[in-house]
Amino acid sequence: MSNQDFSLNGESPLSMSGIGDIPPQATSVPAAAPAAAVAAPQPCACPLAQVPANVWKELLRRPFRKRHPIIFWGFVVLLLAGVGVLGAVIGGNGLMGGQRMALVSVSGPIMDPEPTLEWIRKVERDPSVAGVLLRVDSPGGGAAASQELYNALSALAGKKPVAVSMGSLAASGGLMVSMAGSRIFANASTVTGSIGVRMDIPQLQGLLGKIGVGQETITTAPYKDAGSYMRPLSPEQREYFKKVLDDMHQQFVDIVANGRHMEHARAAALASGKIFTGREAVQLGLVDELGGQDSALAWLSAQCGVPAERKLLSRPKEGGWLPRGLKTMLGVDLRALGGLAANEPVFLYQF
């Protein structure tokens, strides 16, 4: 048979030779084995899969901090630490905060200087503080307490410029602490001056005698009991205390003369105990110029190169709510009252 016959008839060689009668099953590829004949995969033996559903529900119901306490509290500690660092940076104690000015406030009677002294030391050590605004609104107070503040502020002024802003009252010990400033500002009506020292001795013998209370004292030296609140001063004791007061008075005069760079005789002439207005104080050389807190801040800003509008670094509030509340509402300082009510002589640089 030729190729032409194949193409004309359309029959394949197999059908022509009789092979085409072979059943289809004999020439087909063997079918795949049934699926049931192949071994089914075994389920994974995962421990979590063995946990009952009710247990899973209970676990998922518990908050994350109880399910993973170490992770939770570790994150809390890191978060708080980050907030603290950020606060220090923003507050000016870090590299990004830059330089700033600090506020030191002396207000009310000066009896317990330790909180203010501690703040002055911190300001002095802080490298981010370029200058200090000293706000004084005080009638003075204890002689030693006023001197402590003056000495600490003088040391501070030797390292950083200190601008003094006198408020309504900066007299006696309030004037003394102001003498440490690099430049002093006062309002025209500020009450200042009152350079001198006084001694208060409580006299309770009359009151105690009315209620039948007395006291006997045995001493080994004639002046050991001087200034007792149970008896008036003798002439000798009065003269004795007068010498002590004179020495304290001279210490005050020395501070004024050194602080204002004036002759000692001139400072002594001003130490009559009289008060002066701010305008008079400028004329007398006790104050540099008239102006309020803004004027003092502007001068300080020019000295240390810190913008005046930048927030001042202030001492954190402290103390209980009762002393702080009474001092705010009534102008009463319980620590000052305690010092004045003590049963011993009190030496005061106070108006």
C-alpha atoms as a PDB file:
ATOM      1  CA  MET A   1       0.000   0.000   0.000  1.00  0.00           C
ATOM      2  CA  SER A   2       1.358   3.397  -0.993  1.00  0.00           C
ATOM      3  CA  ASN A   3       1.382   6.629   0.953  1.00  0.00           C
ATOM      4  CA  GLN A   4      -1.131   7.999  -1.440  1.00  0.00           C
ATOM      5  CA  ASP A   5      -3.618   5.171  -0.661  1.00  0.00           C
ATOM      6  CA  PHE A   6      -3.217   5.899   3.067  1.00  0.00           C
ATOM      7  CA  SER A   7      -3.962   9.540   2.707  1.00  0.00           C
ATOM      8  CA  LEU A   8      -6.898   8.951   0.367  1.00  0.00           C
ATOM      9  CA  ASN A   9      -8.626   6.289   2.416  1.00  0.00           C
ATOM     10  CA  GLY A  10      -7.958   7.998   5.803  1.00  0.00           C
ATOM     11  CA  GLU A  11      -7.217   4.666   7.366  1.00  0.00           C
ATOM     12  CA  SER A  12      -4.253   3.917   9.540  1.00  0.00           C
ATOM     13  CA  PRO A  13      -1.897   1.077   8.807  1.00  0.00           C
ATOM     14  CA  LEU A  14      -3.021  -0.648  11.969  1.00  0.00           C
ATOM     15  CA  SER A  15      -6.622  -0.875  10.923  1.00  0.00           C
ATOM     16  CA  MET A  16      -5.673  -2.137   7.519  1.00  0.00           C
ATOM     17  CA  SER A  17      -3.529  -4.911   8.904  1.00  0.00           C
ATOM     18  CA  GLY A  18      -6.170  -6.026  11.363  1.00  0.00           C
ATOM     19  CA  ILE A  19      -4.378  -4.760  14.378  1.00  0.00           C
ATOM     20  CA  GLY A  20      -6.990  -2.067  14.879  1.00  0.00           C
ATOM     21  CA  ASP A  21      -9.326  -4.703  16.333  1.00  0.00           C
ATOM     22  CA  ILE A  22      -7.265  -4.827  19.570  1.00  0.00           C
ATOM     23  CA  PRO A  23      -9.412  -3.738  22.511  1.00  0.00           C
ATOM     24  CA  PRO A  24      -8.604  -0.285  23.928  1.00  0.00           C
ATOM     25  CA  GLN A  25      -7.842  -1.721  27.369  1.00  0.00           C
ATOM     26  CA  ALA A  26      -4.916  -3.670  25.926  1.00  0.00           C
ATOM     27  CA  THR A  27      -3.125  -0.583  24.621  1.00  0.00           C
ATOM     28  CA  SER A  28      -3.917   1.974  27.404  1.00  0.00           C
ATOM     29  CA  VAL A  29      -1.572   2.965  30.295  1.00  0.00           C
ATOM     30  CA  PRO A  30      -2.356   1.173  33.516  1.00  0.00           C
ATOM     31  CA  ALA A  31      -4.595   3.291  35.782  1.00  0.00           C
ATOM     32  CA  ALA A  32      -3.312   4.626  39.062  1.00  0.00           C
ATOM     33  CA  ALA A  33      -3.956   2.650  42.172  1.00  0.00           C
ATOM     34  CA  PRO A  34      -7.046   3.597  44.151  1.00  0.00           C
ATOM     35  CA  ALA A  35      -6.541   6.345  46.791  1.00  0.00           C
ATOM     36  CA  ALA A  36      -7.544   3.973  49.522  1.00  0.00           C
ATOM     37  CA  ALA A  37      -4.599   1.770  48.633  1.00  0.00           C
ATOM     38  CA  VAL A  38      -2.095   4.583  49.504  1.00  0.00           C
ATOM     39  CA  ALA A  39      -1.284   4.959  53.199  1.00  0.00           C
ATOM     40  CA  ALA A  40      -2.958   8.091  54.687  1.00  0.00           C
ATOM     41  CA  PRO A  41      -0.567  10.658  56.401  1.00  0.00           C
ATOM     42  CA  GLN A  42      -0.501  10.468  60.173  1.00  0.00           C
ATOM     43  CA  PRO A  43      -1.477  13.655  62.144  1.00  0.00           C
ATOM     44  CA  CYS A  44       1.430  15.645  63.748  1.00  0.00           C
ATOM     45  CA  ALA A  45       1.864  14.902  67.432  1.00  0.00           C
ATOM     46  CA  CYS A  46       2.061  18.624  68.562  1.00  0.00           C
ATOM     47  CA  PRO A  47       1.855  19.138  72.375  1.00  0.00           C
ATOM     48  CA  LEU A  48      -0.294  22.259  71.952  1.00  0.00           C
ATOM     49  CA  ALA A  49      -2.837  20.234  70.053  1.00  0.00           C
ATOM     50  CA  GLN A  50      -3.380  18.124  73.141  1.00  0.00           C
ATOM     51  CA  VAL A  51      -4.480  21.146  75.242  1.00  0.00           C
ATOM     52  CA  PRO A  52      -8.245  21.063  75.750  1.00  0.00           C
ATOM     53  CA  ALA A  53     -10.303  23.869  74.253  1.00  0.00           C
ATOM     54  CA  ASN A  54     -11.564  25.062  77.636  1.00  0.00           C
ATOM     55  CA  VAL A  55      -7.980  25.482  78.839  1.00  0.00           C
ATOM     56  CA  TRP A  56      -7.135  27.551  75.733  1.00  0.00           C
ATOM     57  CA  LYS A  57     -10.082  29.821  76.423  1.00  0.00           C
ATOM     58  CA  GLU A  58      -8.958  30.347  80.018  1.00  0.00           C
ATOM     59  CA  LEU A  59      -5.385  31.162  78.960  1.00  0.00           C
ATOM     60  CA  LEU A  60      -6.480  33.645  76.327  1.00  0.00           C
ATOM     61  CA  ARG A  61      -8.849  35.280  78.777  1.00  0.00           C
ATOM     62  CA  ARG A  62      -5.946  36.205  81.162  1.00  0.00           C
ATOM     63  CA  PRO A  63      -4.271  39.612  80.499  1.00  0.00           C
ATOM     64  CA  PHE A  64      -0.878  39.750  78.824  1.00  0.00           C
ATOM     65  CA  ARG A  65       0.885  40.985  81.951  1.00  0.00           C
ATOM     66  CA  LYS A  66      -0.151  37.828  83.808  1.00  0.00           C
ATOM     67  CA  ARG A  67       0.641  35.467  80.979  1.00  0.00           C
ATOM     68  CA  HIS A  68       4.082  37.065  80.378  1.00  0.00           C
ATOM     69  CA  PRO A  69       5.003  39.062  83.508  1.00  0.00           C
ATOM     70  CA  ILE A  70       8.737  39.288  82.771  1.00  0.00           C
ATOM     71  CA  ILE A  71       8.184  40.696  79.276  1.00  0.00           C
ATOM     72  CA  PHE A  72       5.475  43.092  80.478  1.00  0.00           C
ATOM     73  CA  TRP A  73       7.353  44.572  83.445  1.00  0.00           C
ATOM     74  CA  GLY A  74      10.590  44.723  81.495  1.00  0.00           C
ATOM     75  CA  PHE A  75       8.837  46.831  78.879  1.00  0.00           C
ATOM     76  CA  VAL A  76       7.384  49.085  81.597  1.00  0.00           C
ATOM     77  CA  VAL A  77      10.828  49.686  83.118  1.00  0.00           C
ATOM     78  CA  LEU A  78      12.323  50.523  79.726  1.00  0.00           C
ATOM     79  CA  LEU A  79       9.422  52.858  78.974  1.00  0.00           C
ATOM     80  CA  LEU A  80       9.808  54.725  82.266  1.00  0.00           C
ATOM     81  CA  ALA A  81      13.549  55.012  81.770  1.00  0.00           C
ATOM     82  CA  GLY A  82      12.989  56.424  78.312  1.00  0.00           C
ATOM     83  CA  VAL A  83      10.488  58.968  79.636  1.00  0.00           C
ATOM     84  CA  GLY A  84      12.971  60.023  82.327  1.00  0.00           C
ATOM     85  CA  VAL A  85      15.768  60.540  79.844  1.00  0.00           C
ATOM     86  CA  LEU A  86      13.474  62.471  77.529  1.00  0.00           C
ATOM     87  CA  GLY A  87      12.306  64.658  80.392  1.00  0.00           C
ATOM     88  CA  ALA A  88      15.882  65.440  81.374  1.00  0.00           C
ATOM     89  CA  VAL A  89      16.740  66.358  77.813  1.00  0.00           C
ATOM     90  CA  ILE A  90      13.691  68.540  77.344  1.00  0.00           C
ATOM     91  CA  GLY A  91      14.185  70.055  80.795  1.00  0.00           C
ATOM     92  CA  GLY A  92      17.573  71.349  79.840  1.00  0.00           C
ATOM     93  CA  ASN A  93      19.731  68.891  81.756  1.00  0.00           C
ATOM     94  CA  GLY A  94      20.763  67.011  78.654  1.00  0.00           C
ATOM     95  CA  LEU A  95      22.758  67.835  75.583  1.00  0.00           C
ATOM     96  CA  MET A  96      19.676  68.703  73.574  1.00  0.00           C
ATOM     97  CA  GLY A  97      18.320  71.027  76.269  1.00  0.00           C
ATOM     98  CA  GLY A  98      21.034  73.644  75.846  1.00  0.00           C
ATOM     99  CA  GLN A  99      21.915  76.365  78.328  1.00  0.00           C
ATOM    100  CA  ARG A 100      19.292  77.927  80.546  1.00  0.00           C
ATOM    101  CA  MET A 101      18.778  80.178  83.551  1.00  0.00           C
ATOM    102  CA  ALA A 102      17.713  79.057  87.010  1.00  0.00           C
ATOM    103  CA  LEU A 103      15.486  80.653  89.625  1.00  0.00           C
ATOM    104  CA  VAL A 104      16.447  80.849  93.302  1.00  0.00           C
ATOM    105  CA  SER A 105      13.653  82.201  95.462  1.00  0.00           C
ATOM    106  CA  VAL A 106      14.008  83.562  99.004  1.00  0.00           C
ATOM    107  CA  SER A 107      10.558  84.345 100.367  1.00  0.00           C
ATOM    108  CA  GLY A 108       9.092  84.721 103.821  1.00  0.00           C
ATOM    109  CA  PRO A 109      10.999  84.646 107.112  1.00  0.00           C
ATOM    110  CA  ILE A 110      14.460  83.112 106.814  1.00  0.00           C
ATOM    111  CA  MET A 111      14.584  80.465 109.526  1.00  0.00           C
ATOM    112  CA  ASP A 112      15.420  77.122 107.938  1.00  0.00           C
ATOM    113  CA  PRO A 113      17.795  77.754 105.025  1.00  0.00           C
ATOM    114  CA  GLU A 114      18.633  74.113 104.260  1.00  0.00           C
ATOM    115  CA  PRO A 115      16.103  73.513 101.424  1.00  0.00           C
ATOM    116  CA  THR A 116      17.239  76.687  99.661  1.00  0.00           C
ATOM    117  CA  LEU A 117      20.913  75.889 100.302  1.00  0.00           C
ATOM    118  CA  GLU A 118      20.494  72.459  98.750  1.00  0.00           C
ATOM    119  CA  TRP A 119      18.909  74.000  95.651  1.00  0.00           C
ATOM    120  CA  ILE A 120      21.713  76.577  95.377  1.00  0.00           C
ATOM    121  CA  ARG A 121      24.295  73.780  95.433  1.00  0.00           C
ATOM    122  CA  LYS A 122      22.474  71.902  92.670  1.00  0.00           C
ATOM    123  CA  VAL A 123      22.290  75.027  90.526  1.00  0.00           C
ATOM    124  CA  GLU A 124      25.972  75.710  91.101  1.00  0.00           C
ATOM    125  CA  ARG A 125      26.946  72.188  89.971  1.00  0.00           C
ATOM    126  CA  ASP A 126      24.608  72.062  86.975  1.00  0.00           C
ATOM    127  CA  PRO A 127      26.644  72.772  83.808  1.00  0.00           C
ATOM    128  CA  SER A 128      23.494  73.622  81.851  1.00  0.00           C
ATOM    129  CA  VAL A 129      22.743  76.639  84.093  1.00  0.00           C
ATOM    130  CA  ALA A 130      24.426  79.736  82.675  1.00  0.00           C
ATOM    131  CA  GLY A 131      22.890  82.347  84.989  1.00  0.00           C
ATOM    132  CA  VAL A 132      20.686  82.719  88.065  1.00  0.00           C
ATOM    133  CA  LEU A 133      17.738  84.963  88.864  1.00  0.00           C
ATOM    134  CA  LEU A 134      17.532  85.556  92.620  1.00  0.00           C
ATOM    135  CA  ARG A 135      14.018  86.601  93.621  1.00  0.00           C
ATOM    136  CA  VAL A 136      13.880  88.076  97.137  1.00  0.00           C
ATOM    137  CA  ASP A 137      10.640  88.830  98.960  1.00  0.00           C
ATOM    138  CA  SER A 138      11.556  88.489 102.607  1.00  0.00           C
ATOM    139  CA  PRO A 139      11.720  90.527 105.819  1.00  0.00           C
ATOM    140  CA  GLY A 140      14.835  88.617 106.836  1.00  0.00           C
ATOM    141  CA  GLY A 141      15.037  86.193 109.717  1.00  0.00           C
ATOM    142  CA  GLY A 142      17.618  84.342 111.760  1.00  0.00           C
ATOM    143  CA  ALA A 143      21.064  85.930 111.780  1.00  0.00           C
ATOM    144  CA  ALA A 144      22.990  82.721 111.089  1.00  0.00           C
ATOM    145  CA  ALA A 145      20.425  81.493 108.553  1.00  0.00           C
ATOM    146  CA  SER A 146      20.671  84.758 106.589  1.00  0.00           C
ATOM    147  CA  GLN A 147      24.470  84.582 106.609  1.00  0.00           C
ATOM    148  CA  GLU A 148      24.417  80.998 105.356  1.00  0.00           C
ATOM    149  CA  LEU A 149      22.300  81.979 102.391  1.00  0.00           C
ATOM    150  CA  TYR A 150      24.498  84.999 101.676  1.00  0.00           C
ATOM    151  CA  ASN A 151      27.672  82.897 101.727  1.00  0.00           C
ATOM    152  CA  ALA A 152      26.200  80.236  99.426  1.00  0.00           C
ATOM    153  CA  LEU A 153      24.904  82.855  96.991  1.00  0.00           C
ATOM    154  CA  SER A 154      28.250  84.662  97.005  1.00  0.00           C
ATOM    155  CA  ALA A 155      30.000  81.423  96.036  1.00  0.00           C
ATOM    156  CA  LEU A 156      27.424  80.919  93.280  1.00  0.00           C
ATOM    157  CA  ALA A 157      27.894  84.475  91.998  1.00  0.00           C
ATOM    158  CA  GLY A 158      31.623  83.837  91.737  1.00  0.00           C
ATOM    159  CA  LYS A 159      30.909  81.204  89.060  1.00  0.00           C
ATOM    160  CA  LYS A 160      27.738  82.418  87.339  1.00  0.00           C
ATOM    161  CA  PRO A 161      26.052  85.826  86.980  1.00  0.00           C
ATOM    162  CA  VAL A 162      23.307  86.429  89.546  1.00  0.00           C
ATOM    163  CA  ALA A 163      20.619  89.055  88.961  1.00  0.00           C
ATOM    164  CA  VAL A 164      18.638  90.071  92.054  1.00  0.00           C
ATOM    165  CA  SER A 165      14.984  91.032  91.750  1.00  0.00           C
ATOM    166  CA  MET A 166      13.554  92.535  94.938  1.00  0.00           C
ATOM    167  CA  GLY A 167       9.835  92.045  95.449  1.00  0.00           C
ATOM    168  CA  SER A 168       7.626  93.960  97.846  1.00  0.00           C
ATOM    169  CA  LEU A 169       9.971  93.459 100.779  1.00  0.00           C
ATOM    170  CA  ALA A 170      13.701  92.784 100.906  1.00  0.00           C
ATOM    171  CA  ALA A 171      14.726  94.138 104.281  1.00  0.00           C
ATOM    172  CA  SER A 172      17.347  93.240 106.863  1.00  0.00           C
ATOM    173  CA  GLY A 173      18.281  89.605 106.170  1.00  0.00           C
ATOM    174  CA  GLY A 174      16.474  89.930 102.850  1.00  0.00           C
ATOM    175  CA  LEU A 175      18.827  92.794 101.982  1.00  0.00           C
ATOM    176  CA  MET A 176      21.800  90.759 103.202  1.00  0.00           C
ATOM    177  CA  VAL A 177      21.174  87.858 100.788  1.00  0.00           C
ATOM    178  CA  SER A 178      20.644  90.397  97.990  1.00  0.00           C
ATOM    179  CA  MET A 179      24.171  91.717  98.538  1.00  0.00           C
ATOM    180  CA  ALA A 180      25.510  88.543  96.896  1.00  0.00           C
ATOM    181  CA  GLY A 181      24.027  89.463  93.519  1.00  0.00           C
ATOM    182  CA  SER A 182      25.977  90.697  90.511  1.00  0.00           C
ATOM    183  CA  ARG A 183      23.312  93.365  89.879  1.00  0.00           C
ATOM    184  CA  ILE A 184      20.343  94.358  92.041  1.00  0.00           C
ATOM    185  CA  PHE A 185      16.940  95.497  90.751  1.00  0.00           C
ATOM    186  CA  ALA A 186      14.120  96.863  92.907  1.00  0.00           C
ATOM    187  CA  ASN A 187      10.720  98.369  92.316  1.00  0.00           C
ATOM    188  CA  ALA A 188      10.272 101.992  93.246  1.00  0.00           C
ATOM    189  CA  SER A 189       8.028 101.022  96.186  1.00  0.00           C
ATOM    190  CA  THR A 190      10.082  98.042  97.366  1.00  0.00           C
ATOM    191  CA  VAL A 191      10.778  98.197 101.108  1.00  0.00           C
ATOM    192  CA  THR A 192      14.426  97.485 101.840  1.00  0.00           C
ATOM    193  CA  GLY A 193      17.153  98.606 104.247  1.00  0.00           C
ATOM    194  CA  SER A 194      16.633  97.846 107.956  1.00  0.00           C
ATOM    195  CA  ILE A 195      20.353  97.118 108.365  1.00  0.00           C
ATOM    196  CA  GLY A 196      20.888  95.920 111.911  1.00  0.00           C
ATOM    197  CA  VAL A 197      20.287  93.067 114.309  1.00  0.00           C
ATOM    198  CA  ARG A 198      17.869  92.500 117.116  1.00  0.00           C
ATOM    199  CA  MET A 199      17.464  89.962 119.892  1.00  0.00           C
ATOM    200  CA  ASP A 200      14.146  88.599 121.120  1.00  0.00           C
ATOM    201  CA  ILE A 201      13.869  87.083 124.589  1.00  0.00           C
ATOM    202  CA  PRO A 202      10.470  85.636 125.520  1.00  0.00           C
ATOM    203  CA  GLN A 203       9.289  86.704 129.011  1.00  0.00           C
ATOM    204  CA  LEU A 204       6.917  84.102 130.402  1.00  0.00           C
ATOM    205  CA  GLN A 205       7.440  84.421 134.152  1.00  0.00           C
ATOM    206  CA  GLY A 206       4.263  86.509 134.681  1.00  0.00           C
ATOM    207  CA  LEU A 207       2.018  84.104 132.799  1.00  0.00           C
ATOM    208  CA  LEU A 208       3.541  80.993 134.336  1.00  0.00           C
ATOM    209  CA  GLY A 209       3.352  82.527 137.831  1.00  0.00           C
ATOM    210  CA  LYS A 210      -0.392  82.993 137.485  1.00  0.00           C
ATOM    211  CA  ILE A 211      -0.878  79.286 136.931  1.00  0.00           C
ATOM    212  CA  GLY A 212       1.572  78.278 139.649  1.00  0.00           C
ATOM    213  CA  VAL A 213       4.447  77.205 137.413  1.00  0.00           C
ATOM    214  CA  GLY A 214       7.993  78.108 138.369  1.00  0.00           C
ATOM    215  CA  GLN A 215      11.534  77.015 137.535  1.00  0.00           C
ATOM    216  CA  GLU A 216      14.783  76.850 139.445  1.00  0.00           C
ATOM    217  CA  THR A 217      18.089  76.777 137.567  1.00  0.00           C
ATOM    218  CA  ILE A 218      21.539  75.896 138.891  1.00  0.00           C
ATOM    219  CA  THR A 219      24.514  77.042 136.821  1.00  0.00           C
ATOM    220  CA  THR A 220      28.313  76.862 137.099  1.00  0.00           C
ATOM    221  CA  ALA A 221      28.967  80.219 135.414  1.00  0.00           C
ATOM    222  CA  PRO A 222      27.317  83.635 135.923  1.00  0.00           C
ATOM    223  CA  TYR A 223      26.207  84.054 132.312  1.00  0.00           C
ATOM    224  CA  LYS A 224      25.161  80.457 131.620  1.00  0.00           C
ATOM    225  CA  ASP A 225      21.524  81.273 132.375  1.00  0.00           C
ATOM    226  CA  ALA A 226      21.532  84.706 130.760  1.00  0.00           C
ATOM    227  CA  GLY A 227      18.421  85.345 128.685  1.00  0.00           C
ATOM    228  CA  SER A 228      16.176  82.950 130.595  1.00  0.00           C
ATOM    229  CA  TYR A 229      12.495  83.413 129.872  1.00  0.00           C
ATOM    230  CA  MET A 230      11.773  82.959 133.590  1.00  0.00           C
ATOM    231  CA  ARG A 231      13.340  86.251 134.726  1.00  0.00           C
ATOM    232  CA  PRO A 232      14.119  89.699 133.328  1.00  0.00           C
ATOM    233  CA  LEU A 233      17.640  90.582 132.214  1.00  0.00           C
ATOM    234  CA  SER A 234      19.988  92.018 134.771  1.00  0.00           C
ATOM    235  CA  PRO A 235      22.040  95.123 133.824  1.00  0.00           C
ATOM    236  CA  GLU A 236      25.132  92.935 133.471  1.00  0.00           C
ATOM    237  CA  GLN A 237      23.347  90.480 131.213  1.00  0.00           C
ATOM    238  CA  ARG A 238      21.964  93.319 129.094  1.00  0.00           C
ATOM    239  CA  GLU A 239      25.444  94.724 128.574  1.00  0.00           C
ATOM    240  CA  TYR A 240      26.743  91.265 127.775  1.00  0.00           C
ATOM    241  CA  PHE A 241      24.171  90.697 125.055  1.00  0.00           C
ATOM    242  CA  LYS A 242      24.684  94.218 123.729  1.00  0.00           C
ATOM    243  CA  LYS A 243      28.304  93.336 122.907  1.00  0.00           C
ATOM    244  CA  VAL A 244      27.186  90.215 121.077  1.00  0.00           C
ATOM    245  CA  LEU A 245      24.712  92.248 119.056  1.00  0.00           C
ATOM    246  CA  ASP A 246      27.334  94.878 118.230  1.00  0.00           C
ATOM    247  CA  ASP A 247      29.589  92.218 116.739  1.00  0.00           C
ATOM    248  CA  MET A 248      26.740  90.822 114.637  1.00  0.00           C
ATOM    249  CA  HIS A 249      25.894  94.356 113.550  1.00  0.00           C
ATOM    250  CA  GLN A 250      29.445  94.937 112.340  1.00  0.00           C
ATOM    251  CA  GLN A 251      29.294  91.688 110.361  1.00  0.00           C
ATOM    252  CA  PHE A 252      26.194  92.989 108.581  1.00  0.00           C
ATOM    253  CA  VAL A 253      27.883  96.318 107.831  1.00  0.00           C
ATOM    254  CA  ASP A 254      30.913  94.476 106.414  1.00  0.00           C
ATOM    255  CA  ILE A 255      28.676  92.489 104.080  1.00  0.00           C
ATOM    256  CA  VAL A 256      26.970  95.649 102.809  1.00  0.00           C
ATOM    257  CA  ALA A 257      30.295  97.449 102.296  1.00  0.00           C
ATOM    258  CA  ASN A 258      31.812  94.499 100.406  1.00  0.00           C
ATOM    259  CA  GLY A 259      28.694  93.745  98.385  1.00  0.00           C
ATOM    260  CA  ARG A 260      28.129  97.318  97.238  1.00  0.00           C
ATOM    261  CA  HIS A 261      31.823  98.272  96.983  1.00  0.00           C
ATOM    262  CA  MET A 262      31.393 101.267  99.260  1.00  0.00           C
ATOM    263  CA  GLU A 263      33.457 102.659 102.068  1.00  0.00           C
ATOM    264  CA  HIS A 264      32.890 101.070 105.447  1.00  0.00           C
ATOM    265  CA  ALA A 265      32.000 104.391 107.055  1.00  0.00           C
ATOM    266  CA  ARG A 266      29.301 105.013 104.479  1.00  0.00           C
ATOM    267  CA  ALA A 267      27.832 101.532 104.988  1.00  0.00           C
ATOM    268  CA  ALA A 268      27.895 102.094 108.757  1.00  0.00           C
ATOM    269  CA  ALA A 269      25.984 105.352 108.324  1.00  0.00           C
ATOM    270  CA  LEU A 270      23.234 103.459 106.488  1.00  0.00           C
ATOM    271  CA  ALA A 271      23.039 100.825 109.250  1.00  0.00           C
ATOM    272  CA  SER A 272      20.639 102.725 111.484  1.00  0.00           C
ATOM    273  CA  GLY A 273      17.858 100.188 111.191  1.00  0.00           C
ATOM    274  CA  LYS A 274      15.822 102.524 108.970  1.00  0.00           C
ATOM    275  CA  ILE A 275      13.945 101.219 105.976  1.00  0.00           C
ATOM    276  CA  PHE A 276      14.171 102.745 102.490  1.00  0.00           C
ATOM    277  CA  THR A 277      12.018 102.617  99.392  1.00  0.00           C
ATOM    278  CA  GLY A 278      13.500 101.139  96.252  1.00  0.00           C
ATOM    279  CA  ARG A 279      13.914 104.599  94.778  1.00  0.00           C
ATOM    280  CA  GLU A 280      15.781 105.805  97.859  1.00  0.00           C
ATOM    281  CA  ALA A 281      17.911 102.657  97.825  1.00  0.00           C
ATOM    282  CA  VAL A 282      19.105 103.452  94.291  1.00  0.00           C
ATOM    283  CA  GLN A 283      20.173 106.931  95.407  1.00  0.00           C
ATOM    284  CA  LEU A 284      21.945 105.489  98.458  1.00  0.00           C
ATOM    285  CA  GLY A 285      23.803 102.880  96.426  1.00  0.00           C
ATOM    286  CA  LEU A 286      22.102  99.834  97.924  1.00  0.00           C
ATOM    287  CA  VAL A 287      20.370  99.007  94.619  1.00  0.00           C
ATOM    288  CA  ASP A 288      21.705  99.332  91.069  1.00  0.00           C
ATOM    289  CA  GLU A 289      18.550 100.292  89.189  1.00  0.00           C
ATOM    290  CA  LEU A 290      14.790 100.341  89.304  1.00  0.00           C
ATOM    291  CA  GLY A 291      12.966  97.517  87.585  1.00  0.00           C
ATOM    292  CA  GLY A 292      10.967  94.403  88.161  1.00  0.00           C
ATOM    293  CA  GLN A 293      11.655  90.757  87.500  1.00  0.00           C
ATOM    294  CA  ASP A 294      11.481  91.234  83.738  1.00  0.00           C
ATOM    295  CA  SER A 295      14.214  93.873  83.855  1.00  0.00           C
ATOM    296  CA  ALA A 296      16.440  91.617  85.945  1.00  0.00           C
ATOM    297  CA  LEU A 297      15.798  88.727  83.575  1.00  0.00           C
ATOM    298  CA  ALA A 298      16.625  90.843  80.526  1.00  0.00           C
ATOM    299  CA  TRP A 299      19.953  91.900  82.052  1.00  0.00           C
ATOM    300  CA  LEU A 300      20.751  88.305  82.996  1.00  0.00           C
ATOM    301  CA  SER A 301      19.875  87.087  79.507  1.00  0.00           C
ATOM    302  CA  ALA A 302      22.340  89.558  77.982  1.00  0.00           C
ATOM    303  CA  GLN A 303      25.050  88.432  80.398  1.00  0.00           C
ATOM    304  CA  CYS A 304      24.781  84.692  79.825  1.00  0.00           C
ATOM    305  CA  GLY A 305      23.487  84.588  76.257  1.00  0.00           C
ATOM    306  CA  VAL A 306      20.313  82.634  77.064  1.00  0.00           C
ATOM    307  CA  PRO A 307      16.983  83.863  75.622  1.00  0.00           C
ATOM    308  CA  ALA A 308      14.889  85.572  78.294  1.00  0.00           C
ATOM    309  CA  GLU A 309      11.750  83.740  77.142  1.00  0.00           C
ATOM    310  CA  ARG A 310      13.255  80.333  77.863  1.00  0.00           C
ATOM    311  CA  LYS A 311      11.610  78.744  80.889  1.00  0.00           C
ATOM    312  CA  LEU A 312      13.524  79.120  84.144  1.00  0.00           C
ATOM    313  CA  LEU A 313      14.768  76.048  85.961  1.00  0.00           C
ATOM    314  CA  SER A 314      12.886  76.112  89.281  1.00  0.00           C
ATOM    315  CA  ARG A 315      13.179  74.189  92.508  1.00  0.00           C
ATOM    316  CA  PRO A 316      10.651  71.344  92.794  1.00  0.00           C
ATOM    317  CA  LYS A 317       7.885  71.867  95.322  1.00  0.00           C
ATOM    318  CA  GLU A 318       8.357  70.058  98.584  1.00  0.00           C
ATOM    319  CA  GLY A 319       6.920  69.770 102.047  1.00  0.00           C
ATOM    320  CA  GLY A 320       3.548  68.616 103.281  1.00  0.00           C
ATOM    321  CA  TRP A 321       0.277  70.027 102.032  1.00  0.00           C
ATOM    322  CA  LEU A 322      -0.528  71.758 105.352  1.00  0.00           C
ATOM    323  CA  PRO A 323       2.657  73.890 105.732  1.00  0.00           C
ATOM    324  CA  ARG A 324       2.660  74.696 102.024  1.00  0.00           C
ATOM    325  CA  GLY A 325      -1.047  75.567 102.069  1.00  0.00           C
ATOM    326  CA  LEU A 326      -0.778  77.828 105.108  1.00  0.00           C
ATOM    327  CA  LYS A 327       2.228  79.604 103.646  1.00  0.00           C
ATOM    328  CA  THR A 328       0.427  80.140 100.353  1.00  0.00           C
ATOM    329  CA  MET A 329      -2.941  81.268 101.726  1.00  0.00           C
ATOM    330  CA  LEU A 330      -1.989  83.011 104.965  1.00  0.00           C
ATOM    331  CA  GLY A 331       1.669  83.850 104.510  1.00  0.00           C
ATOM    332  CA  VAL A 332       2.519  81.667 107.514  1.00  0.00           C
ATOM    333  CA  ASP A 333       5.678  79.578 107.630  1.00  0.00           C
ATOM    334  CA  LEU A 334       5.373  76.923 110.345  1.00  0.00           C
ATOM    335  CA  ARG A 335       9.144  76.490 110.534  1.00  0.00           C
ATOM    336  CA  ALA A 336       9.514  80.215 111.181  1.00  0.00           C
ATOM    337  CA  LEU A 337       6.862  80.114 113.888  1.00  0.00           C
ATOM    338  CA  GLY A 338       8.701  77.223 115.506  1.00  0.00           C
ATOM    339  CA  GLY A 339      11.921  79.187 115.608  1.00  0.00           C
ATOM    340  CA  LEU A 340      10.315  82.301 117.063  1.00  0.00           C
ATOM    341  CA  ALA A 341       8.431  80.304 119.682  1.00  0.00           C
ATOM    342  CA  ALA A 342      11.573  78.632 121.035  1.00  0.00           C
ATOM    343  CA  ASN A 343      12.359  79.202 124.701  1.00  0.00           C
ATOM    344  CA  GLU A 344      15.739  80.807 124.136  1.00  0.00           C
ATOM    345  CA  PRO A 345      17.084  84.136 122.836  1.00  0.00           C
ATOM    346  CA  VAL A 346      16.717  84.570 119.095  1.00  0.00           C
ATOM    347  CA  PHE A 347      19.149  86.760 117.137  1.00  0.00           C
ATOM    348  CA  LEU A 348      17.513  88.215 114.054  1.00  0.00           C
ATOM    349  CA  TYR A 349      18.426  90.173 110.958  1.00  0.00           C
ATOM    350  CA  GLN A 350      14.723  90.881 110.541  1.00  0.00           C
ATOM    351  CA  PHE A 351      12.507  93.871 109.867  1.00  0.00           C
END
